């Protein structure tokens, strides 16, 4: 079962992404360890979803409300 992400988990995820770049060994394991209650698969899926949303925003496929 996939649980929704809390704002705290999103903050932890963002901080971990900043700490562990693409070249970091064990990147996804370290990010998952930094996010309370999330597995490696969940953090990878969350990242992939965010990347897809950014691409869609850049293409104008998603409206951005501020």
PDB file of N, CA and C in Angstrom:
ATOM      1  N   UNK A   1       0.841  -1.187   0.000  1.00  0.00           N
ATOM      2  CA  UNK A   1       0.000   0.000   0.000  1.00  0.00           C
ATOM      3  C   UNK A   1       0.886   1.251   0.000  1.00  0.00           C
ATOM      4  N   UNK A   2       0.531   2.200  -0.820  1.00  0.00           N
ATOM      5  CA  UNK A   2       1.278   3.450  -0.907  1.00  0.00           C
ATOM      6  C   UNK A   2       0.593   4.487  -0.027  1.00  0.00           C
ATOM      7  N   UNK A   3       1.355   5.080   0.873  1.00  0.00           N
ATOM      8  CA  UNK A   3       0.783   6.101   1.743  1.00  0.00           C
ATOM      9  C   UNK A   3       1.112   7.482   1.190  1.00  0.00           C
ATOM     10  N   UNK A   4       0.234   8.453   1.428  1.00  0.00           N
ATOM     11  CA  UNK A   4       0.513   9.810   0.950  1.00  0.00           C
ATOM     12  C   UNK A   4       1.734  10.406   1.650  1.00  0.00           C
ATOM     13  N   UNK A   5       2.331  11.368   0.988  1.00  0.00           N
ATOM     14  CA  UNK A   5       3.508  12.042   1.538  1.00  0.00           C
ATOM     15  C   UNK A   5       3.065  13.227   2.381  1.00  0.00           C
ATOM     16  N   UNK A   6       3.627  13.336   3.566  1.00  0.00           N
ATOM     17  CA  UNK A   6       3.343  14.485   4.425  1.00  0.00           C
ATOM     18  C   UNK A   6       4.260  15.643   4.028  1.00  0.00           C
ATOM     19  N   UNK A   7       3.946  16.824   4.490  1.00  0.00           N
ATOM     20  CA  UNK A   7       4.818  17.966   4.200  1.00  0.00           C
ATOM     21  C   UNK A   7       6.194  17.752   4.842  1.00  0.00           C
ATOM     22  N   UNK A   8       6.227  17.113   5.994  1.00  0.00           N
ATOM     23  CA  UNK A   8       7.509  16.814   6.656  1.00  0.00           C
ATOM     24  C   UNK A   8       8.346  15.864   5.796  1.00  0.00           C
ATOM     25  N   UNK A   9       7.719  14.817   5.268  1.00  0.00           N
ATOM     26  CA  UNK A   9       8.431  13.875   4.411  1.00  0.00           C
ATOM     27  C   UNK A   9       8.931  14.557   3.129  1.00  0.00           C
ATOM     28  N   UNK A  10       8.117  15.442   2.567  1.00  0.00           N
ATOM     29  CA  UNK A  10       8.541  16.182   1.377  1.00  0.00           C
ATOM     30  C   UNK A  10       9.763  17.048   1.678  1.00  0.00           C
ATOM     31  N   UNK A  11       9.781  17.695   2.832  1.00  0.00           N
ATOM     32  CA  UNK A  11      10.941  18.497   3.234  1.00  0.00           C
ATOM     33  C   UNK A  11      12.172  17.611   3.398  1.00  0.00           C
ATOM     34  N   UNK A  12      11.992  16.476   4.061  1.00  0.00           N
ATOM     35  CA  UNK A  12      13.097  15.545   4.245  1.00  0.00           C
ATOM     36  C   UNK A  12      13.615  15.061   2.889  1.00  0.00           C
ATOM     37  N   UNK A  13      12.706  14.783   1.985  1.00  0.00           N
ATOM     38  CA  UNK A  13      13.059  14.329   0.643  1.00  0.00           C
ATOM     39  C   UNK A  13      13.865  15.403  -0.089  1.00  0.00           C
ATOM     40  N   UNK A  14      13.396  16.629  -0.053  1.00  0.00           N
ATOM     41  CA  UNK A  14      14.099  17.731  -0.723  1.00  0.00           C
ATOM     42  C   UNK A  14      15.495  17.933  -0.139  1.00  0.00           C
ATOM     43  N   UNK A  15      15.606  17.876   1.167  1.00  0.00           N
ATOM     44  CA  UNK A  15      16.914  18.033   1.806  1.00  0.00           C
ATOM     45  C   UNK A  15      17.852  16.887   1.436  1.00  0.00           C
ATOM     46  N   UNK A  16      17.322  15.681   1.391  1.00  0.00           N
ATOM     47  CA  UNK A  16      18.138  14.524   1.033  1.00  0.00           C
ATOM     48  C   UNK A  16      18.571  14.590  -0.429  1.00  0.00           C
ATOM     49  N   UNK A  17      17.682  15.053  -1.313  1.00  0.00           N
ATOM     50  CA  UNK A  17      18.058  15.213  -2.720  1.00  0.00           C
ATOM     51  C   UNK A  17      19.213  16.203  -2.866  1.00  0.00           C
ATOM     52  N   UNK A  18      19.174  17.255  -2.073  1.00  0.00           N
ATOM     53  CA  UNK A  18      20.251  18.247  -2.118  1.00  0.00           C
ATOM     54  C   UNK A  18      21.561  17.666  -1.582  1.00  0.00           C
ATOM     55  N   UNK A  19      21.453  16.779  -0.626  1.00  0.00           N
ATOM     56  CA  UNK A  19      22.650  16.200  -0.009  1.00  0.00           C
ATOM     57  C   UNK A  19      23.256  15.085  -0.851  1.00  0.00           C
ATOM     58  N   UNK A  20      22.413  14.334  -1.557  1.00  0.00           N
ATOM     59  CA  UNK A  20      22.870  13.175  -2.325  1.00  0.00           C
ATOM     60  C   UNK A  20      22.569  13.388  -3.805  1.00  0.00           C
ATOM     61  N   UNK A  21      23.562  13.853  -4.556  1.00  0.00           N
ATOM     62  CA  UNK A  21      23.353  14.091  -5.978  1.00  0.00           C
ATOM     63  C   UNK A  21      23.473  12.791  -6.771  1.00  0.00           C
ATOM     64  N   UNK A  22      23.333  12.896  -8.085  1.00  0.00           N
ATOM     65  CA  UNK A  22      23.357  11.719  -8.959  1.00  0.00           C
ATOM     66  C   UNK A  22      24.594  10.859  -8.802  1.00  0.00           C
ATOM     67  N   UNK A  23      25.709  11.467  -8.460  1.00  0.00           N
ATOM     68  CA  UNK A  23      26.972  10.738  -8.358  1.00  0.00           C
ATOM     69  C   UNK A  23      27.231  10.136  -6.984  1.00  0.00           C
ATOM     70  N   UNK A  24      26.322  10.363  -6.054  1.00  0.00           N
ATOM     71  CA  UNK A  24      26.503   9.833  -4.692  1.00  0.00           C
ATOM     72  C   UNK A  24      26.305   8.320  -4.677  1.00  0.00           C
ATOM     73  N   UNK A  25      27.240   7.608  -4.051  1.00  0.00           N
ATOM     74  CA  UNK A  25      27.043   6.157  -3.917  1.00  0.00           C
ATOM     75  C   UNK A  25      25.810   5.882  -3.046  1.00  0.00           C
ATOM     76  N   UNK A  26      25.072   4.873  -3.417  1.00  0.00           N
ATOM     77  CA  UNK A  26      23.873   4.478  -2.647  1.00  0.00           C
ATOM     78  C   UNK A  26      22.880   5.622  -2.486  1.00  0.00           C
ATOM     79  N   UNK A  27      22.751   6.421  -3.516  1.00  0.00           N
ATOM     80  CA  UNK A  27      21.908   7.621  -3.442  1.00  0.00           C
ATOM     81  C   UNK A  27      20.500   7.319  -2.931  1.00  0.00           C
ATOM     82  N   UNK A  28      19.813   6.382  -3.565  1.00  0.00           N
ATOM     83  CA  UNK A  28      18.408   6.151  -3.210  1.00  0.00           C
ATOM     84  C   UNK A  28      18.261   5.524  -1.833  1.00  0.00           C
ATOM     85  N   UNK A  29      19.197   4.699  -1.449  1.00  0.00           N
ATOM     86  CA  UNK A  29      19.150   4.125  -0.102  1.00  0.00           C
ATOM     87  C   UNK A  29      19.337   5.216   0.946  1.00  0.00           C
ATOM     88  N   UNK A  30      20.256   6.140   0.683  1.00  0.00           N
ATOM     89  CA  UNK A  30      20.484   7.241   1.625  1.00  0.00           C
ATOM     90  C   UNK A  30      19.286   8.181   1.693  1.00  0.00           C
ATOM     91  N   UNK A  31      18.682   8.453   0.548  1.00  0.00           N
ATOM     92  CA  UNK A  31      17.500   9.323   0.543  1.00  0.00           C
ATOM     93  C   UNK A  31      16.363   8.653   1.304  1.00  0.00           C
ATOM     94  N   UNK A  32      16.138   7.359   1.038  1.00  0.00           N
ATOM     95  CA  UNK A  32      15.063   6.642   1.744  1.00  0.00           C
ATOM     96  C   UNK A  32      15.314   6.631   3.249  1.00  0.00           C
ATOM     97  N   UNK A  33      16.566   6.487   3.644  1.00  0.00           N
ATOM     98  CA  UNK A  33      16.910   6.494   5.064  1.00  0.00           C
ATOM     99  C   UNK A  33      16.603   7.859   5.691  1.00  0.00           C
ATOM    100  N   UNK A  34      16.701   8.918   4.909  1.00  0.00           N
ATOM    101  CA  UNK A  34      16.480  10.276   5.418  1.00  0.00           C
ATOM    102  C   UNK A  34      15.002  10.657   5.492  1.00  0.00           C
ATOM    103  N   UNK A  35      14.157   9.898   4.792  1.00  0.00           N
ATOM    104  CA  UNK A  35      12.720  10.203   4.763  1.00  0.00           C
ATOM    105  C   UNK A  35      11.986   9.185   5.634  1.00  0.00           C
ATOM    106  N   UNK A  36      11.402   9.673   6.690  1.00  0.00           N
ATOM    107  CA  UNK A  36      10.704   8.804   7.649  1.00  0.00           C
ATOM    108  C   UNK A  36       9.595   8.004   6.963  1.00  0.00           C
ATOM    109  N   UNK A  37       9.636   6.690   7.122  1.00  0.00           N
ATOM    110  CA  UNK A  37       8.536   5.840   6.682  1.00  0.00           C
ATOM    111  C   UNK A  37       8.464   5.556   5.196  1.00  0.00           C
ATOM    112  N   UNK A  38       9.495   5.891   4.431  1.00  0.00           N
ATOM    113  CA  UNK A  38       9.466   5.658   2.985  1.00  0.00           C
ATOM    114  C   UNK A  38      10.569   4.690   2.573  1.00  0.00           C
ATOM    115  N   UNK A  39      10.242   3.830   1.635  1.00  0.00           N
ATOM    116  CA  UNK A  39      11.191   2.842   1.133  1.00  0.00           C
ATOM    117  C   UNK A  39      11.960   3.412  -0.057  1.00  0.00           C
ATOM    118  N   UNK A  40      12.969   2.681  -0.481  1.00  0.00           N
ATOM    119  CA  UNK A  40      13.740   3.073  -1.660  1.00  0.00           C
ATOM    120  C   UNK A  40      12.804   3.181  -2.866  1.00  0.00           C
ATOM    121  N   UNK A  41      11.923   2.208  -3.034  1.00  0.00           N
ATOM    122  CA  UNK A  41      10.999   2.225  -4.166  1.00  0.00           C
ATOM    123  C   UNK A  41      10.086   3.440  -4.118  1.00  0.00           C
ATOM    124  N   UNK A  42       9.627   3.791  -2.929  1.00  0.00           N
ATOM    125  CA  UNK A  42       8.737   4.946  -2.797  1.00  0.00           C
ATOM    126  C   UNK A  42       9.454   6.259  -3.126  1.00  0.00           C
ATOM    127  N   UNK A  43      10.699   6.416  -2.677  1.00  0.00           N
ATOM    128  CA  UNK A  43      11.394   7.672  -2.975  1.00  0.00           C
ATOM    129  C   UNK A  43      11.733   7.763  -4.459  1.00  0.00           C
ATOM    130  N   UNK A  44      12.082   6.630  -5.078  1.00  0.00           N
ATOM    131  CA  UNK A  44      12.342   6.635  -6.522  1.00  0.00           C
ATOM    132  C   UNK A  44      11.078   7.005  -7.291  1.00  0.00           C
ATOM    133  N   UNK A  45       9.958   6.409  -6.906  1.00  0.00           N
ATOM    134  CA  UNK A  45       8.675   6.690  -7.572  1.00  0.00           C
ATOM    135  C   UNK A  45       8.291   8.162  -7.395  1.00  0.00           C
ATOM    136  N   UNK A  46       8.505   8.694  -6.195  1.00  0.00           N
ATOM    137  CA  UNK A  46       8.191  10.098  -5.912  1.00  0.00           C
ATOM    138  C   UNK A  46       9.045  11.015  -6.787  1.00  0.00           C
ATOM    139  N   UNK A  47      10.315  10.692  -6.896  1.00  0.00           N
ATOM    140  CA  UNK A  47      11.232  11.465  -7.739  1.00  0.00           C
ATOM    141  C   UNK A  47      10.779  11.424  -9.199  1.00  0.00           C
ATOM    142  N   UNK A  48      10.475  10.236  -9.701  1.00  0.00           N
ATOM    143  CA  UNK A  48      10.026  10.094 -11.087  1.00  0.00           C
ATOM    144  C   UNK A  48       8.756  10.895 -11.357  1.00  0.00           C
ATOM    145  N   UNK A  49       7.842  10.876 -10.410  1.00  0.00           N
ATOM    146  CA  UNK A  49       6.599  11.644 -10.546  1.00  0.00           C
ATOM    147  C   UNK A  49       6.899  13.140 -10.608  1.00  0.00           C
ATOM    148  N   UNK A  50       7.767  13.617  -9.744  1.00  0.00           N
ATOM    149  CA  UNK A  50       8.118  15.043  -9.739  1.00  0.00           C
ATOM    150  C   UNK A  50       8.799  15.449 -11.034  1.00  0.00           C
ATOM    151  N   UNK A  51       9.684  14.618 -11.554  1.00  0.00           N
ATOM    152  CA  UNK A  51      10.363  14.918 -12.819  1.00  0.00           C
ATOM    153  C   UNK A  51       9.334  15.006 -13.946  1.00  0.00           C
ATOM    154  N   UNK A  52       8.404  14.042 -13.998  1.00  0.00           N
ATOM    155  CA  UNK A  52       7.353  14.079 -15.042  1.00  0.00           C
ATOM    156  C   UNK A  52       6.520  15.347 -14.937  1.00  0.00           C
ATOM    157  N   UNK A  53       6.168  15.751 -13.711  1.00  0.00           N
ATOM    158  CA  UNK A  53       5.362  16.964 -13.525  1.00  0.00           C
ATOM    159  C   UNK A  53       6.126  18.209 -13.969  1.00  0.00           C
ATOM    160  N   UNK A  54       7.412  18.262 -13.683  1.00  0.00           N
ATOM    161  CA  UNK A  54       8.227  19.405 -14.111  1.00  0.00           C
ATOM    162  C   UNK A  54       8.274  19.480 -15.630  1.00  0.00           C
ATOM    163  N   UNK A  55       8.475  18.343 -16.277  1.00  0.00           N
ATOM    164  CA  UNK A  55       8.507  18.311 -17.748  1.00  0.00           C
ATOM    165  C   UNK A  55       7.173  18.780 -18.308  1.00  0.00           C
ATOM    166  N   UNK A  56       6.070  18.324 -17.730  1.00  0.00           N
ATOM    167  CA  UNK A  56       4.744  18.736 -18.197  1.00  0.00           C
ATOM    168  C   UNK A  56       4.527  20.228 -17.988  1.00  0.00           C
ATOM    169  N   UNK A  57       5.002  20.767 -16.874  1.00  0.00           N
ATOM    170  CA  UNK A  57       4.865  22.204 -16.623  1.00  0.00           C
ATOM    171  C   UNK A  57       5.656  23.003 -17.653  1.00  0.00           C
ATOM    172  N   UNK A  58       6.867  22.526 -17.931  1.00  0.00           N
ATOM    173  CA  UNK A  58       7.701  23.222 -18.910  1.00  0.00           C
ATOM    174  C   UNK A  58       7.080  23.202 -20.289  1.00  0.00           C
ATOM    175  N   UNK A  59       6.361  22.145 -20.617  1.00  0.00           N
ATOM    176  CA  UNK A  59       5.691  22.034 -21.914  1.00  0.00           C
ATOM    177  C   UNK A  59       4.350  22.768 -21.934  1.00  0.00           C
ATOM    178  N   UNK A  60       3.915  23.201 -20.768  1.00  0.00           N
ATOM    179  CA  UNK A  60       2.633  23.891 -20.676  1.00  0.00           C
ATOM    180  C   UNK A  60       1.451  22.956 -20.544  1.00  0.00           C
ATOM    181  N   UNK A  61       1.717  21.691 -20.264  1.00  0.00           N
ATOM    182  CA  UNK A  61       0.652  20.707 -20.142  1.00  0.00           C
ATOM    183  C   UNK A  61      -0.063  20.769 -18.787  1.00  0.00           C
ATOM    184  N   UNK A  62       0.602  21.350 -17.804  1.00  0.00           N
ATOM    185  CA  UNK A  62       0.032  21.491 -16.464  1.00  0.00           C
ATOM    186  C   UNK A  62       0.028  22.969 -16.121  1.00  0.00           C
ATOM    187  N   UNK A  63      -1.125  23.446 -15.645  1.00  0.00           N
ATOM    188  CA  UNK A  63      -1.190  24.826 -15.193  1.00  0.00           C
ATOM    189  C   UNK A  63      -0.577  24.938 -13.805  1.00  0.00           C
ATOM    190  N   UNK A  64       0.154  26.000 -13.593  1.00  0.00           N
ATOM    191  CA  UNK A  64       0.781  26.226 -12.295  1.00  0.00           C
ATOM    192  C   UNK A  64       0.047  27.376 -11.634  1.00  0.00           C
ATOM    193  N   UNK A  65      -0.515  27.105 -10.451  1.00  0.00           N
ATOM    194  CA  UNK A  65      -1.220  28.134  -9.691  1.00  0.00           C
ATOM    195  C   UNK A  65      -0.349  28.569  -8.527  1.00  0.00           C
ATOM    196  N   UNK A  66      -0.149  29.851  -8.412  1.00  0.00           N
ATOM    197  CA  UNK A  66       0.669  30.369  -7.331  1.00  0.00           C
ATOM    198  C   UNK A  66      -0.200  31.182  -6.404  1.00  0.00           C
TER     199      UNK A  66
END
